[in-house]
Amino acid sequence: MALRFVGIDPETGGGNCPAVWVDDEKQEIVLQGWKADGETTARTRQDSPLPNTEAVIRLPYRMIDTVRKALDEAGS
């Protein structure tokens, strides 16, 4: 698997999540974040079904620049 690390939450402290990678081989962006709580998951299911193979995660706004960087790298 060719995952390319883009960045981690600058406030993580101990190298934990959230984090972002780019998979050039599969042409996907990989996100590690906090698992959404039941209320958030239930709300998202109103707009989009959630199969067992998927999850809803949460990333803080402070990760916007890191996600943009991943999008820019994936698009180039």
N, C-alpha and C. Protein backbone atom coordinates (compact mmCIF):
# COMPACT_ATOMS: atom_id res chain seq x y z
N MET A 1 0.85 -1.17 0.00
CA MET A 1 0.00 0.00 0.00
C MET A 1 0.90 1.24 0.00
N ALA A 2 0.58 2.17 -0.87
CA ALA A 2 1.41 3.35 -1.04
C ALA A 2 0.77 4.56 -0.37
N LEU A 3 0.69 4.55 0.95
CA LEU A 3 0.15 5.70 1.66
C LEU A 3 1.24 6.74 1.85
N ARG A 4 0.89 7.97 1.53
CA ARG A 4 1.83 9.09 1.71
C ARG A 4 1.27 9.99 2.81
N PHE A 5 2.00 10.09 3.89
CA PHE A 5 1.58 10.90 5.04
C PHE A 5 1.59 12.37 4.66
N VAL A 6 0.48 13.06 4.96
CA VAL A 6 0.38 14.49 4.66
C VAL A 6 0.55 15.32 5.93
N GLY A 7 -0.13 14.93 7.00
CA GLY A 7 0.01 15.71 8.21
C GLY A 7 -0.87 15.20 9.34
N ILE A 8 -0.58 15.73 10.52
CA ILE A 8 -1.31 15.35 11.73
C ILE A 8 -1.77 16.61 12.43
N ASP A 9 -2.77 16.48 13.24
CA ASP A 9 -3.31 17.61 13.99
C ASP A 9 -2.18 18.28 14.77
N PRO A 10 -1.96 19.58 14.54
CA PRO A 10 -0.86 20.27 15.21
C PRO A 10 -1.02 20.33 16.73
N GLU A 11 -2.21 20.08 17.24
CA GLU A 11 -2.44 20.13 18.68
C GLU A 11 -2.52 18.74 19.31
N THR A 12 -2.07 17.72 18.59
CA THR A 12 -2.23 16.35 19.07
C THR A 12 -1.39 16.02 20.29
N GLY A 13 -0.25 16.64 20.44
CA GLY A 13 0.56 16.42 21.63
C GLY A 13 1.40 15.16 21.62
N GLY A 14 0.81 14.00 21.43
CA GLY A 14 1.56 12.76 21.50
C GLY A 14 1.59 11.99 20.20
N GLY A 15 1.30 12.63 19.09
CA GLY A 15 1.35 11.96 17.81
C GLY A 15 0.11 11.12 17.52
N ASN A 16 -0.98 11.40 18.18
CA ASN A 16 -2.22 10.66 17.94
C ASN A 16 -3.03 11.33 16.84
N CYS A 17 -4.22 10.81 16.60
CA CYS A 17 -5.08 11.36 15.54
C CYS A 17 -5.58 12.73 15.93
N PRO A 18 -6.16 13.45 15.02
CA PRO A 18 -6.46 13.13 13.62
C PRO A 18 -5.23 13.26 12.72
N ALA A 19 -5.30 12.57 11.61
CA ALA A 19 -4.20 12.59 10.64
C ALA A 19 -4.77 12.38 9.24
N VAL A 20 -3.95 12.73 8.23
CA VAL A 20 -4.38 12.65 6.83
C VAL A 20 -3.26 12.04 5.99
N TRP A 21 -3.64 11.14 5.08
CA TRP A 21 -2.74 10.52 4.12
C TRP A 21 -3.34 10.61 2.73
N VAL A 22 -2.51 10.41 1.71
CA VAL A 22 -2.96 10.29 0.32
C VAL A 22 -2.50 8.93 -0.18
N ASP A 23 -3.41 8.21 -0.84
CA ASP A 23 -3.09 6.92 -1.46
C ASP A 23 -3.14 7.13 -2.97
N ASP A 24 -1.97 7.36 -3.57
CA ASP A 24 -1.90 7.63 -5.01
C ASP A 24 -2.32 6.42 -5.83
N GLU A 25 -2.01 5.24 -5.34
CA GLU A 25 -2.33 4.02 -6.06
C GLU A 25 -3.85 3.85 -6.23
N LYS A 26 -4.59 4.04 -5.15
CA LYS A 26 -6.05 3.90 -5.19
C LYS A 26 -6.76 5.21 -5.47
N GLN A 27 -5.99 6.29 -5.52
CA GLN A 27 -6.51 7.64 -5.73
C GLN A 27 -7.57 7.99 -4.68
N GLU A 28 -7.15 7.86 -3.40
CA GLU A 28 -8.03 8.13 -2.28
C GLU A 28 -7.32 8.97 -1.23
N ILE A 29 -8.10 9.71 -0.46
CA ILE A 29 -7.59 10.42 0.70
C ILE A 29 -8.00 9.61 1.91
N VAL A 30 -7.08 9.37 2.82
CA VAL A 30 -7.33 8.55 4.01
C VAL A 30 -7.32 9.47 5.23
N LEU A 31 -8.38 9.40 6.01
CA LEU A 31 -8.53 10.24 7.19
C LEU A 31 -8.59 9.39 8.44
N GLN A 32 -7.87 9.81 9.46
CA GLN A 32 -7.98 9.21 10.79
C GLN A 32 -8.53 10.29 11.69
N GLY A 33 -9.62 10.00 12.36
CA GLY A 33 -10.23 11.00 13.21
C GLY A 33 -10.97 10.37 14.36
N TRP A 34 -11.68 11.18 15.10
CA TRP A 34 -12.45 10.69 16.23
C TRP A 34 -13.73 10.07 15.71
N LYS A 35 -14.05 8.88 16.18
CA LYS A 35 -15.28 8.22 15.80
C LYS A 35 -16.45 9.08 16.27
N ALA A 36 -17.40 9.30 15.37
CA ALA A 36 -18.54 10.14 15.70
C ALA A 36 -19.44 9.46 16.74
N ASP A 37 -20.07 10.28 17.56
CA ASP A 37 -20.99 9.74 18.56
C ASP A 37 -22.29 9.30 17.90
N GLY A 38 -23.14 8.65 18.67
CA GLY A 38 -24.39 8.12 18.14
C GLY A 38 -25.30 9.18 17.56
N GLU A 39 -25.38 10.33 18.20
CA GLU A 39 -26.24 11.41 17.71
C GLU A 39 -25.76 11.92 16.35
N THR A 40 -24.46 12.12 16.21
CA THR A 40 -23.91 12.57 14.94
C THR A 40 -24.14 11.53 13.85
N THR A 41 -23.87 10.28 14.17
CA THR A 41 -24.05 9.20 13.20
C THR A 41 -25.51 9.10 12.77
N ALA A 42 -26.43 9.17 13.73
CA ALA A 42 -27.86 9.11 13.40
C ALA A 42 -28.25 10.26 12.49
N ARG A 43 -27.72 11.45 12.77
CA ARG A 43 -28.05 12.62 11.93
C ARG A 43 -27.52 12.46 10.51
N THR A 44 -26.30 11.95 10.36
CA THR A 44 -25.74 11.80 9.01
C THR A 44 -26.50 10.75 8.21
N ARG A 45 -27.04 9.76 8.89
CA ARG A 45 -27.82 8.72 8.21
C ARG A 45 -29.10 9.27 7.60
N GLN A 46 -29.56 10.41 8.06
CA GLN A 46 -30.73 11.05 7.46
C GLN A 46 -30.44 11.49 6.03
N ASP A 47 -29.19 11.80 5.74
CA ASP A 47 -28.78 12.28 4.42
C ASP A 47 -28.14 11.20 3.57
N SER A 48 -27.51 10.22 4.22
CA SER A 48 -26.77 9.20 3.49
C SER A 48 -26.72 7.91 4.30
N PRO A 49 -27.11 6.78 3.72
CA PRO A 49 -27.05 5.52 4.45
C PRO A 49 -25.61 5.20 4.87
N LEU A 50 -25.46 4.45 5.95
CA LEU A 50 -24.14 4.11 6.45
C LEU A 50 -24.00 2.60 6.51
N PRO A 51 -23.39 2.00 5.47
CA PRO A 51 -23.20 0.55 5.50
C PRO A 51 -22.15 0.16 6.54
N ASN A 52 -22.11 -1.12 6.87
CA ASN A 52 -21.18 -1.61 7.88
C ASN A 52 -19.72 -1.43 7.49
N THR A 53 -19.45 -1.21 6.22
CA THR A 53 -18.06 -1.05 5.76
C THR A 53 -17.58 0.40 5.83
N GLU A 54 -18.42 1.30 6.33
CA GLU A 54 -18.06 2.71 6.41
C GLU A 54 -18.23 3.23 7.83
N ALA A 55 -17.64 4.41 8.09
CA ALA A 55 -17.75 5.03 9.41
C ALA A 55 -17.85 6.55 9.23
N VAL A 56 -18.42 7.19 10.21
CA VAL A 56 -18.45 8.65 10.26
C VAL A 56 -17.38 9.07 11.25
N ILE A 57 -16.47 9.94 10.81
CA ILE A 57 -15.42 10.45 11.70
C ILE A 57 -15.54 11.96 11.80
N ARG A 58 -14.90 12.51 12.80
CA ARG A 58 -14.92 13.97 13.00
C ARG A 58 -13.49 14.49 12.98
N LEU A 59 -13.29 15.60 12.29
CA LEU A 59 -12.00 16.29 12.27
C LEU A 59 -12.23 17.73 12.72
N PRO A 60 -11.32 18.29 13.51
CA PRO A 60 -11.49 19.67 13.95
C PRO A 60 -11.16 20.65 12.81
N TYR A 61 -11.75 21.83 12.89
CA TYR A 61 -11.48 22.87 11.90
C TYR A 61 -9.99 23.16 11.75
N ARG A 62 -9.22 22.97 12.82
CA ARG A 62 -7.79 23.27 12.73
C ARG A 62 -7.08 22.35 11.73
N MET A 63 -7.75 21.30 11.26
CA MET A 63 -7.17 20.37 10.27
C MET A 63 -7.46 20.81 8.83
N ILE A 64 -8.18 21.91 8.64
CA ILE A 64 -8.56 22.36 7.30
C ILE A 64 -7.34 22.50 6.39
N ASP A 65 -6.28 23.14 6.86
CA ASP A 65 -5.09 23.33 6.03
C ASP A 65 -4.46 21.99 5.65
N THR A 66 -4.46 21.04 6.57
CA THR A 66 -3.88 19.72 6.29
C THR A 66 -4.72 18.98 5.26
N VAL A 67 -6.04 19.06 5.39
CA VAL A 67 -6.92 18.41 4.40
C VAL A 67 -6.76 19.07 3.03
N ARG A 68 -6.66 20.41 3.01
CA ARG A 68 -6.45 21.11 1.73
C ARG A 68 -5.13 20.67 1.09
N LYS A 69 -4.10 20.51 1.91
CA LYS A 69 -2.80 20.07 1.41
C LYS A 69 -2.94 18.68 0.76
N ALA A 70 -3.68 17.79 1.43
CA ALA A 70 -3.91 16.45 0.87
C ALA A 70 -4.66 16.53 -0.45
N LEU A 71 -5.68 17.38 -0.51
CA LEU A 71 -6.44 17.54 -1.75
C LEU A 71 -5.56 18.09 -2.87
N ASP A 72 -4.72 19.07 -2.54
CA ASP A 72 -3.81 19.63 -3.55
C ASP A 72 -2.82 18.58 -4.03
N GLU A 73 -2.26 17.81 -3.10
CA GLU A 73 -1.29 16.77 -3.48
C GLU A 73 -1.96 15.68 -4.30
N ALA A 74 -3.19 15.32 -3.96
CA ALA A 74 -3.90 14.27 -4.70
C ALA A 74 -4.26 14.74 -6.10
N GLY A 75 -4.50 16.02 -6.25
CA GLY A 75 -4.91 16.56 -7.54
C GLY A 75 -3.76 16.87 -8.49
N SER A 76 -2.52 16.74 -8.01
CA SER A 76 -1.39 17.09 -8.87
C SER A 76 -0.75 15.88 -9.50
